[in-house]
Amino acid sequence: MFQGASALSLDAKGRLSVPTRHRDVLSATAAGQLTITKHPHGCLMIFPRPEWEKFRERIGALPMSAQWWKRIFLGNAMDVEIDATGRVLVSPELRAAAGISKESVLLGMGNFFELWDKSTYDAQEAKAMQGDMPDVFKDFSF
């Protein structure tokens, strides 16, 4: 279960250093193999390969009316591996799609990660925090 936020910088080649706290789990559960794809909210989704395979099966089973979603998720997916120094290469196409140039935020979202351009994430989070809390949280006590 991945959770928490990490502020990260991509290097000049577009490599992202995976936070140490996640590396051991990713090595043990996915042999360091990840899949990165687009997210409709403007970020990237990073899956450990076994979790990606489950997600890919669910997306693949969608009806033809969801063909564009299949294209977005499956057609843009790229398999990567964590290198010996704990980095993964985020392709130029995916970096451009999410507007990520250097400063980024990696969020643990349970069984996958979201990778955001830092300024985009900060703006989206501020907007969400100023709005009303969704009804799905009405039974939570804060």
C-alpha atoms as a PDB file:
ATOM      1  CA  MET A   1       0.000   0.000   0.000  1.00  0.00           C
ATOM      2  CA  PHE A   2       1.628   3.213  -1.170  1.00  0.00           C
ATOM      3  CA  GLN A   3       0.848   6.499   0.519  1.00  0.00           C
ATOM      4  CA  GLY A   4       2.406   9.858   1.150  1.00  0.00           C
ATOM      5  CA  ALA A   5       3.814  12.646  -0.990  1.00  0.00           C
ATOM      6  CA  SER A   6       7.395  13.130  -2.154  1.00  0.00           C
ATOM      7  CA  ALA A   7       8.773  16.260  -3.814  1.00  0.00           C
ATOM      8  CA  LEU A   8      11.136  15.077  -6.551  1.00  0.00           C
ATOM      9  CA  SER A   9      13.222  16.547  -9.346  1.00  0.00           C
ATOM     10  CA  LEU A  10      13.664  14.866 -12.694  1.00  0.00           C
ATOM     11  CA  ASP A  11      17.200  14.967 -14.041  1.00  0.00           C
ATOM     12  CA  ALA A  12      18.137  16.350 -17.464  1.00  0.00           C
ATOM     13  CA  LYS A  13      17.359  12.978 -19.106  1.00  0.00           C
ATOM     14  CA  GLY A  14      13.891  12.760 -17.514  1.00  0.00           C
ATOM     15  CA  ARG A  15      14.824  10.208 -14.875  1.00  0.00           C
ATOM     16  CA  LEU A  16      12.993  10.131 -11.583  1.00  0.00           C
ATOM     17  CA  SER A  17      14.610   8.833  -8.416  1.00  0.00           C
ATOM     18  CA  VAL A  18      12.151   6.484  -6.693  1.00  0.00           C
ATOM     19  CA  PRO A  19      11.961   7.347  -2.977  1.00  0.00           C
ATOM     20  CA  THR A  20      13.879   4.866  -0.856  1.00  0.00           C
ATOM     21  CA  ARG A  21      10.816   4.006   1.233  1.00  0.00           C
ATOM     22  CA  HIS A  22       9.122   2.596  -1.889  1.00  0.00           C
ATOM     23  CA  ARG A  23      12.094   0.905  -3.573  1.00  0.00           C
ATOM     24  CA  ASP A  24      12.224  -2.193  -1.373  1.00  0.00           C
ATOM     25  CA  VAL A  25       8.508  -2.863  -1.787  1.00  0.00           C
ATOM     26  CA  LEU A  26       8.703  -2.333  -5.545  1.00  0.00           C
ATOM     27  CA  SER A  27      11.707  -4.647  -5.797  1.00  0.00           C
ATOM     28  CA  ALA A  28       9.988  -7.358  -3.765  1.00  0.00           C
ATOM     29  CA  THR A  29       6.529  -7.142  -5.341  1.00  0.00           C
ATOM     30  CA  ALA A  30       7.316  -6.131  -8.908  1.00  0.00           C
ATOM     31  CA  ALA A  31      11.017  -6.956  -9.398  1.00  0.00           C
ATOM     32  CA  GLY A  32      11.505  -3.231 -10.037  1.00  0.00           C
ATOM     33  CA  GLN A  33       9.235  -3.331 -13.098  1.00  0.00           C
ATOM     34  CA  LEU A  34       6.754  -0.476 -13.465  1.00  0.00           C
ATOM     35  CA  THR A  35       4.285   0.794 -16.045  1.00  0.00           C
ATOM     36  CA  ILE A  36       3.612   4.503 -16.570  1.00  0.00           C
ATOM     37  CA  THR A  37       0.567   5.876 -18.371  1.00  0.00           C
ATOM     38  CA  LYS A  38      -1.574   8.994 -18.667  1.00  0.00           C
ATOM     39  CA  HIS A  39      -4.211   9.917 -16.115  1.00  0.00           C
ATOM     40  CA  PRO A  40      -7.263  11.922 -17.268  1.00  0.00           C
ATOM     41  CA  HIS A  41      -6.656  14.550 -14.565  1.00  0.00           C
ATOM     42  CA  GLY A  42      -3.390  15.669 -16.167  1.00  0.00           C
ATOM     43  CA  CYS A  43      -0.869  13.628 -14.239  1.00  0.00           C
ATOM     44  CA  LEU A  44       0.773  10.242 -14.804  1.00  0.00           C
ATOM     45  CA  MET A  45      -0.094   6.943 -13.172  1.00  0.00           C
ATOM     46  CA  ILE A  46       2.806   4.689 -12.165  1.00  0.00           C
ATOM     47  CA  PHE A  47       1.934   1.071 -11.435  1.00  0.00           C
ATOM     48  CA  PRO A  48       4.018  -1.805 -10.120  1.00  0.00           C
ATOM     49  CA  ARG A  49       3.767  -4.310 -12.997  1.00  0.00           C
ATOM     50  CA  PRO A  50       1.462  -6.809 -11.189  1.00  0.00           C
ATOM     51  CA  GLU A  51      -0.977  -4.001 -10.348  1.00  0.00           C
ATOM     52  CA  TRP A  52      -0.761  -2.690 -13.921  1.00  0.00           C
ATOM     53  CA  GLU A  53      -1.694  -6.122 -15.259  1.00  0.00           C
ATOM     54  CA  LYS A  54      -4.859  -6.115 -13.117  1.00  0.00           C
ATOM     55  CA  PHE A  55      -5.719  -2.570 -14.221  1.00  0.00           C
ATOM     56  CA  ARG A  56      -4.986  -3.408 -17.880  1.00  0.00           C
ATOM     57  CA  GLU A  57      -7.382  -6.382 -17.722  1.00  0.00           C
ATOM     58  CA  ARG A  58     -10.139  -4.162 -16.323  1.00  0.00           C
ATOM     59  CA  ILE A  59      -9.579  -1.505 -18.985  1.00  0.00           C
ATOM     60  CA  GLY A  60      -9.358  -4.112 -21.747  1.00  0.00           C
ATOM     61  CA  ALA A  61     -12.755  -5.492 -20.731  1.00  0.00           C
ATOM     62  CA  LEU A  62     -14.503  -2.148 -21.175  1.00  0.00           C
ATOM     63  CA  PRO A  63     -17.102  -1.940 -23.981  1.00  0.00           C
ATOM     64  CA  MET A  64     -16.443  -0.278 -27.327  1.00  0.00           C
ATOM     65  CA  SER A  65     -18.169   2.860 -26.045  1.00  0.00           C
ATOM     66  CA  ALA A  66     -15.073   3.352 -23.851  1.00  0.00           C
ATOM     67  CA  GLN A  67     -12.603   2.934 -26.713  1.00  0.00           C
ATOM     68  CA  TRP A  68     -11.071   6.365 -26.146  1.00  0.00           C
ATOM     69  CA  TRP A  69     -10.365   5.496 -22.517  1.00  0.00           C
ATOM     70  CA  LYS A  70      -8.655   2.331 -23.681  1.00  0.00           C
ATOM     71  CA  ARG A  71      -6.523   4.456 -26.011  1.00  0.00           C
ATOM     72  CA  ILE A  72      -5.660   6.899 -23.234  1.00  0.00           C
ATOM     73  CA  PHE A  73      -4.680   4.273 -20.671  1.00  0.00           C
ATOM     74  CA  LEU A  74      -3.385   1.388 -22.777  1.00  0.00           C
ATOM     75  CA  GLY A  75      -2.174   3.238 -25.851  1.00  0.00           C
ATOM     76  CA  ASN A  76       0.059   5.516 -23.797  1.00  0.00           C
ATOM     77  CA  ALA A  77       1.417   2.910 -21.377  1.00  0.00           C
ATOM     78  CA  MET A  78       5.177   2.470 -21.201  1.00  0.00           C
ATOM     79  CA  ASP A  79       6.981  -0.286 -19.330  1.00  0.00           C
ATOM     80  CA  VAL A  80      10.057   0.815 -17.376  1.00  0.00           C
ATOM     81  CA  GLU A  81      12.452  -0.687 -14.850  1.00  0.00           C
ATOM     82  CA  ILE A  82      14.065   0.798 -11.794  1.00  0.00           C
ATOM     83  CA  ASP A  83      17.779   1.012 -12.584  1.00  0.00           C
ATOM     84  CA  ALA A  84      20.665   0.114 -10.264  1.00  0.00           C
ATOM     85  CA  THR A  85      20.633   3.609  -8.741  1.00  0.00           C
ATOM     86  CA  GLY A  86      16.855   3.593  -8.056  1.00  0.00           C
ATOM     87  CA  ARG A  87      15.766   5.720 -11.009  1.00  0.00           C
ATOM     88  CA  VAL A  88      13.151   5.262 -13.728  1.00  0.00           C
ATOM     89  CA  LEU A  89      13.051   7.018 -17.068  1.00  0.00           C
ATOM     90  CA  VAL A  90       9.834   8.908 -17.768  1.00  0.00           C
ATOM     91  CA  SER A  91       9.497   9.171 -21.544  1.00  0.00           C
ATOM     92  CA  PRO A  92       9.456  12.617 -23.183  1.00  0.00           C
ATOM     93  CA  GLU A  93       5.926  11.916 -24.495  1.00  0.00           C
ATOM     94  CA  LEU A  94       4.548  11.189 -21.042  1.00  0.00           C
ATOM     95  CA  ARG A  95       6.418  14.097 -19.439  1.00  0.00           C
ATOM     96  CA  ALA A  96       4.954  16.427 -22.068  1.00  0.00           C
ATOM     97  CA  ALA A  97       1.444  14.997 -21.591  1.00  0.00           C
ATOM     98  CA  ALA A  98       1.565  15.823 -17.869  1.00  0.00           C
ATOM     99  CA  GLY A  99       3.499  19.075 -18.267  1.00  0.00           C
ATOM    100  CA  ILE A 100       6.352  17.755 -16.138  1.00  0.00           C
ATOM    101  CA  SER A 101       9.679  19.410 -16.776  1.00  0.00           C
ATOM    102  CA  LYS A 102      11.686  19.160 -13.561  1.00  0.00           C
ATOM    103  CA  GLU A 103       9.937  19.709 -10.226  1.00  0.00           C
ATOM    104  CA  SER A 104       7.338  17.059  -9.509  1.00  0.00           C
ATOM    105  CA  VAL A 105       5.243  15.477  -6.778  1.00  0.00           C
ATOM    106  CA  LEU A 106       4.903  11.706  -6.403  1.00  0.00           C
ATOM    107  CA  LEU A 107       1.782  10.644  -4.500  1.00  0.00           C
ATOM    108  CA  GLY A 108       1.188   7.149  -3.153  1.00  0.00           C
ATOM    109  CA  MET A 109      -2.400   6.289  -4.044  1.00  0.00           C
ATOM    110  CA  GLY A 110      -2.764   2.798  -2.606  1.00  0.00           C
ATOM    111  CA  ASN A 111      -1.776   0.314  -5.285  1.00  0.00           C
ATOM    112  CA  PHE A 112      -0.255   2.892  -7.674  1.00  0.00           C
ATOM    113  CA  PHE A 113       1.361   6.329  -7.727  1.00  0.00           C
ATOM    114  CA  GLU A 114       0.423   9.611  -9.338  1.00  0.00           C
ATOM    115  CA  LEU A 115       3.212  11.787 -10.718  1.00  0.00           C
ATOM    116  CA  TRP A 116       2.334  15.471 -11.044  1.00  0.00           C
ATOM    117  CA  ASP A 117       4.081  18.595 -12.205  1.00  0.00           C
ATOM    118  CA  LYS A 118       4.588  20.384  -8.882  1.00  0.00           C
ATOM    119  CA  SER A 119       3.007  23.713  -9.853  1.00  0.00           C
ATOM    120  CA  THR A 120       0.011  21.966 -11.451  1.00  0.00           C
ATOM    121  CA  TYR A 121      -0.508  19.798  -8.370  1.00  0.00           C
ATOM    122  CA  ASP A 122      -0.202  22.765  -5.999  1.00  0.00           C
ATOM    123  CA  ALA A 123      -2.794  24.724  -8.002  1.00  0.00           C
ATOM    124  CA  GLN A 124      -5.221  21.773  -8.234  1.00  0.00           C
ATOM    125  CA  GLU A 125      -4.875  20.999  -4.523  1.00  0.00           C
ATOM    126  CA  ALA A 126      -5.479  24.647  -3.560  1.00  0.00           C
ATOM    127  CA  LYS A 127      -8.587  24.719  -5.761  1.00  0.00           C
ATOM    128  CA  ALA A 128      -9.914  21.500  -4.189  1.00  0.00           C
ATOM    129  CA  MET A 129      -9.246  22.770  -0.665  1.00  0.00           C
ATOM    130  CA  GLN A 130     -11.289  25.922  -1.301  1.00  0.00           C
ATOM    131  CA  GLY A 131     -14.323  24.021  -2.527  1.00  0.00           C
ATOM    132  CA  ASP A 132     -16.911  22.142  -0.535  1.00  0.00           C
ATOM    133  CA  MET A 133     -16.011  18.677   0.585  1.00  0.00           C
ATOM    134  CA  PRO A 134     -17.759  16.065  -1.575  1.00  0.00           C
ATOM    135  CA  ASP A 135     -20.791  14.263  -0.144  1.00  0.00           C
ATOM    136  CA  VAL A 136     -18.879  10.975  -0.073  1.00  0.00           C
ATOM    137  CA  PHE A 137     -17.157  12.314   3.044  1.00  0.00           C
ATOM    138  CA  LYS A 138     -20.354  13.134   4.937  1.00  0.00           C
ATOM    139  CA  ASP A 139     -19.955  10.079   7.199  1.00  0.00           C
ATOM    140  CA  PHE A 140     -16.316  10.839   8.038  1.00  0.00           C
ATOM    141  CA  SER A 141     -15.606  12.763  11.213  1.00  0.00           C
ATOM    142  CA  PHE A 142     -12.803  15.283  10.842  1.00  0.00           C
END
